[in-house]
Amino acid sequence: MILVNTDYIAGKELEMLGLVKGSTIQTKHLGKDIGAGFKTLVGGELTSYNEMMNEARALATKRMVEEAQALGADAIVNIRYASASVMAGAAEVMAYGTAVKFK
């Protein structure tokens, strides 16, 4: 499966199959959340939240690809990511794009 954030793939003629998406809501356990709270007092990178968001993006991408494969897609173009805070310490990540088949 080819994944690109452009609306074309060089040298390929594309047939649009439709919008595909994948999403997840992730959180860290209370211990990590409290640790991150202390980190905000002194500043610096919140590595546990970076890890959480990386895992969430990977899972959302995987789910998007599975939806595209179910449509018989060869690629997904114009991929975008969106995220939103759902509650303190929890975030939703959505990956979406257009599933396409090569002509």
C-alpha atoms as a PDB file:
ATOM      1  CA  MET A   1       0.000   0.000   0.000  1.00  0.00           C
ATOM      2  CA  ILE A   2       1.408   3.364  -1.049  1.00  0.00           C
ATOM      3  CA  LEU A   3       0.689   6.220   1.373  1.00  0.00           C
ATOM      4  CA  VAL A   4       1.276   9.827   0.281  1.00  0.00           C
ATOM      5  CA  ASN A   5       0.207  13.272   1.419  1.00  0.00           C
ATOM      6  CA  THR A   6      -0.022  14.564  -2.166  1.00  0.00           C
ATOM      7  CA  ASP A   7      -3.136  14.279  -4.319  1.00  0.00           C
ATOM      8  CA  TYR A   8      -1.328  12.305  -7.022  1.00  0.00           C
ATOM      9  CA  ILE A   9       1.311   9.605  -7.491  1.00  0.00           C
ATOM     10  CA  ALA A  10       3.798  10.404 -10.225  1.00  0.00           C
ATOM     11  CA  GLY A  11       3.356   8.196 -13.287  1.00  0.00           C
ATOM     12  CA  LYS A  12       0.083   6.643 -12.088  1.00  0.00           C
ATOM     13  CA  GLU A  13      -3.448   7.236 -13.307  1.00  0.00           C
ATOM     14  CA  LEU A  14      -5.790   6.984 -10.330  1.00  0.00           C
ATOM     15  CA  GLU A  15      -9.373   5.884  -9.879  1.00  0.00           C
ATOM     16  CA  MET A  16     -10.839   7.376  -6.697  1.00  0.00           C
ATOM     17  CA  LEU A  17     -12.542   4.849  -4.415  1.00  0.00           C
ATOM     18  CA  GLY A  18     -13.528   7.174  -1.586  1.00  0.00           C
ATOM     19  CA  LEU A  19     -12.618   8.563   1.795  1.00  0.00           C
ATOM     20  CA  VAL A  20     -10.977   6.223   4.277  1.00  0.00           C
ATOM     21  CA  LYS A  21     -10.162   6.945   7.886  1.00  0.00           C
ATOM     22  CA  GLY A  22      -8.850   5.434  11.056  1.00  0.00           C
ATOM     23  CA  SER A  23      -8.959   6.779  14.566  1.00  0.00           C
ATOM     24  CA  THR A  24      -8.102   5.990  18.152  1.00  0.00           C
ATOM     25  CA  ILE A  25      -8.351   7.608  21.552  1.00  0.00           C
ATOM     26  CA  GLN A  26      -5.316   7.065  23.725  1.00  0.00           C
ATOM     27  CA  THR A  27      -4.382   7.898  27.294  1.00  0.00           C
ATOM     28  CA  LYS A  28      -1.473   7.301  29.629  1.00  0.00           C
ATOM     29  CA  HIS A  29      -1.895   5.622  32.993  1.00  0.00           C
ATOM     30  CA  LEU A  30      -2.231   7.761  36.104  1.00  0.00           C
ATOM     31  CA  GLY A  31       1.431   7.413  37.111  1.00  0.00           C
ATOM     32  CA  LYS A  32       2.646   8.821  33.782  1.00  0.00           C
ATOM     33  CA  ASP A  33      -0.022  11.529  33.925  1.00  0.00           C
ATOM     34  CA  ILE A  34       1.098  12.668  37.384  1.00  0.00           C
ATOM     35  CA  GLY A  35       4.741  12.588  36.260  1.00  0.00           C
ATOM     36  CA  ALA A  36       3.899  14.752  33.255  1.00  0.00           C
ATOM     37  CA  GLY A  37       2.078  17.157  35.564  1.00  0.00           C
ATOM     38  CA  PHE A  38       5.248  17.610  37.612  1.00  0.00           C
ATOM     39  CA  LYS A  39       7.249  18.103  34.414  1.00  0.00           C
ATOM     40  CA  THR A  40       5.084  21.118  33.536  1.00  0.00           C
ATOM     41  CA  LEU A  41       6.452  22.835  36.651  1.00  0.00           C
ATOM     42  CA  VAL A  42      10.062  22.707  35.441  1.00  0.00           C
ATOM     43  CA  GLY A  43       9.526  22.620  31.680  1.00  0.00           C
ATOM     44  CA  GLY A  44      10.862  20.295  29.030  1.00  0.00           C
ATOM     45  CA  GLU A  45       9.617  17.606  26.708  1.00  0.00           C
ATOM     46  CA  LEU A  46       6.838  15.296  27.840  1.00  0.00           C
ATOM     47  CA  THR A  47       8.303  12.107  26.387  1.00  0.00           C
ATOM     48  CA  SER A  48       5.524   9.832  27.643  1.00  0.00           C
ATOM     49  CA  TYR A  49       2.989  11.938  25.748  1.00  0.00           C
ATOM     50  CA  ASN A  50       5.192  11.939  22.639  1.00  0.00           C
ATOM     51  CA  GLU A  51       5.220   8.151  22.809  1.00  0.00           C
ATOM     52  CA  MET A  52       1.447   8.081  23.308  1.00  0.00           C
ATOM     53  CA  MET A  53       0.827  10.303  20.268  1.00  0.00           C
ATOM     54  CA  ASN A  54       3.262   8.300  18.095  1.00  0.00           C
ATOM     55  CA  GLU A  55       1.452   5.088  19.063  1.00  0.00           C
ATOM     56  CA  ALA A  56      -1.916   6.729  18.371  1.00  0.00           C
ATOM     57  CA  ARG A  57      -0.820   7.953  14.906  1.00  0.00           C
ATOM     58  CA  ALA A  58       0.509   4.494  14.038  1.00  0.00           C
ATOM     59  CA  LEU A  59      -2.735   2.800  15.125  1.00  0.00           C
ATOM     60  CA  ALA A  60      -4.929   5.346  13.315  1.00  0.00           C
ATOM     61  CA  THR A  61      -2.830   4.868  10.149  1.00  0.00           C
ATOM     62  CA  LYS A  62      -3.111   1.079  10.434  1.00  0.00           C
ATOM     63  CA  ARG A  63      -6.894   1.297  10.734  1.00  0.00           C
ATOM     64  CA  MET A  64      -7.090   3.658   7.749  1.00  0.00           C
ATOM     65  CA  VAL A  65      -4.993   1.244   5.640  1.00  0.00           C
ATOM     66  CA  GLU A  66      -7.216  -1.690   6.657  1.00  0.00           C
ATOM     67  CA  GLU A  67     -10.298   0.254   5.512  1.00  0.00           C
ATOM     68  CA  ALA A  68      -8.593   1.035   2.180  1.00  0.00           C
ATOM     69  CA  GLN A  69      -7.571  -2.606   1.692  1.00  0.00           C
ATOM     70  CA  ALA A  70     -11.193  -3.657   2.225  1.00  0.00           C
ATOM     71  CA  LEU A  71     -12.092  -1.405  -0.730  1.00  0.00           C
ATOM     72  CA  GLY A  72      -9.380  -2.995  -2.893  1.00  0.00           C
ATOM     73  CA  ALA A  73      -7.207   0.132  -2.921  1.00  0.00           C
ATOM     74  CA  ASP A  74      -3.633   0.228  -4.178  1.00  0.00           C
ATOM     75  CA  ALA A  75      -2.801   3.481  -2.395  1.00  0.00           C
ATOM     76  CA  ILE A  76      -4.084   6.290  -0.202  1.00  0.00           C
ATOM     77  CA  VAL A  77      -3.477   9.854  -1.369  1.00  0.00           C
ATOM     78  CA  ASN A  78      -3.874  13.223   0.316  1.00  0.00           C
ATOM     79  CA  ILE A  79      -3.353  11.741   3.797  1.00  0.00           C
ATOM     80  CA  ARG A  80      -3.972  14.082   6.718  1.00  0.00           C
ATOM     81  CA  TYR A  81      -3.889  13.747  10.489  1.00  0.00           C
ATOM     82  CA  ALA A  82      -6.031  15.520  13.056  1.00  0.00           C
ATOM     83  CA  SER A  83      -5.911  15.364  16.822  1.00  0.00           C
ATOM     84  CA  ALA A  84      -8.056  16.657  19.631  1.00  0.00           C
ATOM     85  CA  SER A  85      -8.014  16.526  23.389  1.00  0.00           C
ATOM     86  CA  VAL A  86     -10.897  14.403  24.616  1.00  0.00           C
ATOM     87  CA  MET A  87     -10.243  14.920  28.327  1.00  0.00           C
ATOM     88  CA  ALA A  88      -7.228  15.626  30.524  1.00  0.00           C
ATOM     89  CA  GLY A  89      -4.506  13.210  29.472  1.00  0.00           C
ATOM     90  CA  ALA A  90      -6.477  11.634  26.604  1.00  0.00           C
ATOM     91  CA  ALA A  91      -6.275  12.494  22.918  1.00  0.00           C
ATOM     92  CA  GLU A  92      -8.035  11.363  19.779  1.00  0.00           C
ATOM     93  CA  VAL A  93      -5.983  10.975  16.624  1.00  0.00           C
ATOM     94  CA  MET A  94      -7.609  10.562  13.232  1.00  0.00           C
ATOM     95  CA  ALA A  95      -5.874   9.677   9.972  1.00  0.00           C
ATOM     96  CA  TYR A  96      -7.807  10.174   6.744  1.00  0.00           C
ATOM     97  CA  GLY A  97      -7.228  10.241   3.011  1.00  0.00           C
ATOM     98  CA  THR A  98      -8.592   9.145  -0.342  1.00  0.00           C
ATOM     99  CA  ALA A  99      -8.340   5.474  -1.288  1.00  0.00           C
ATOM    100  CA  VAL A 100      -7.361   4.991  -4.932  1.00  0.00           C
ATOM    101  CA  LYS A 101      -6.858   2.142  -7.381  1.00  0.00           C
ATOM    102  CA  PHE A 102      -4.347   2.271 -10.228  1.00  0.00           C
ATOM    103  CA  LYS A 103      -5.890   2.242 -13.713  1.00  0.00           C
END
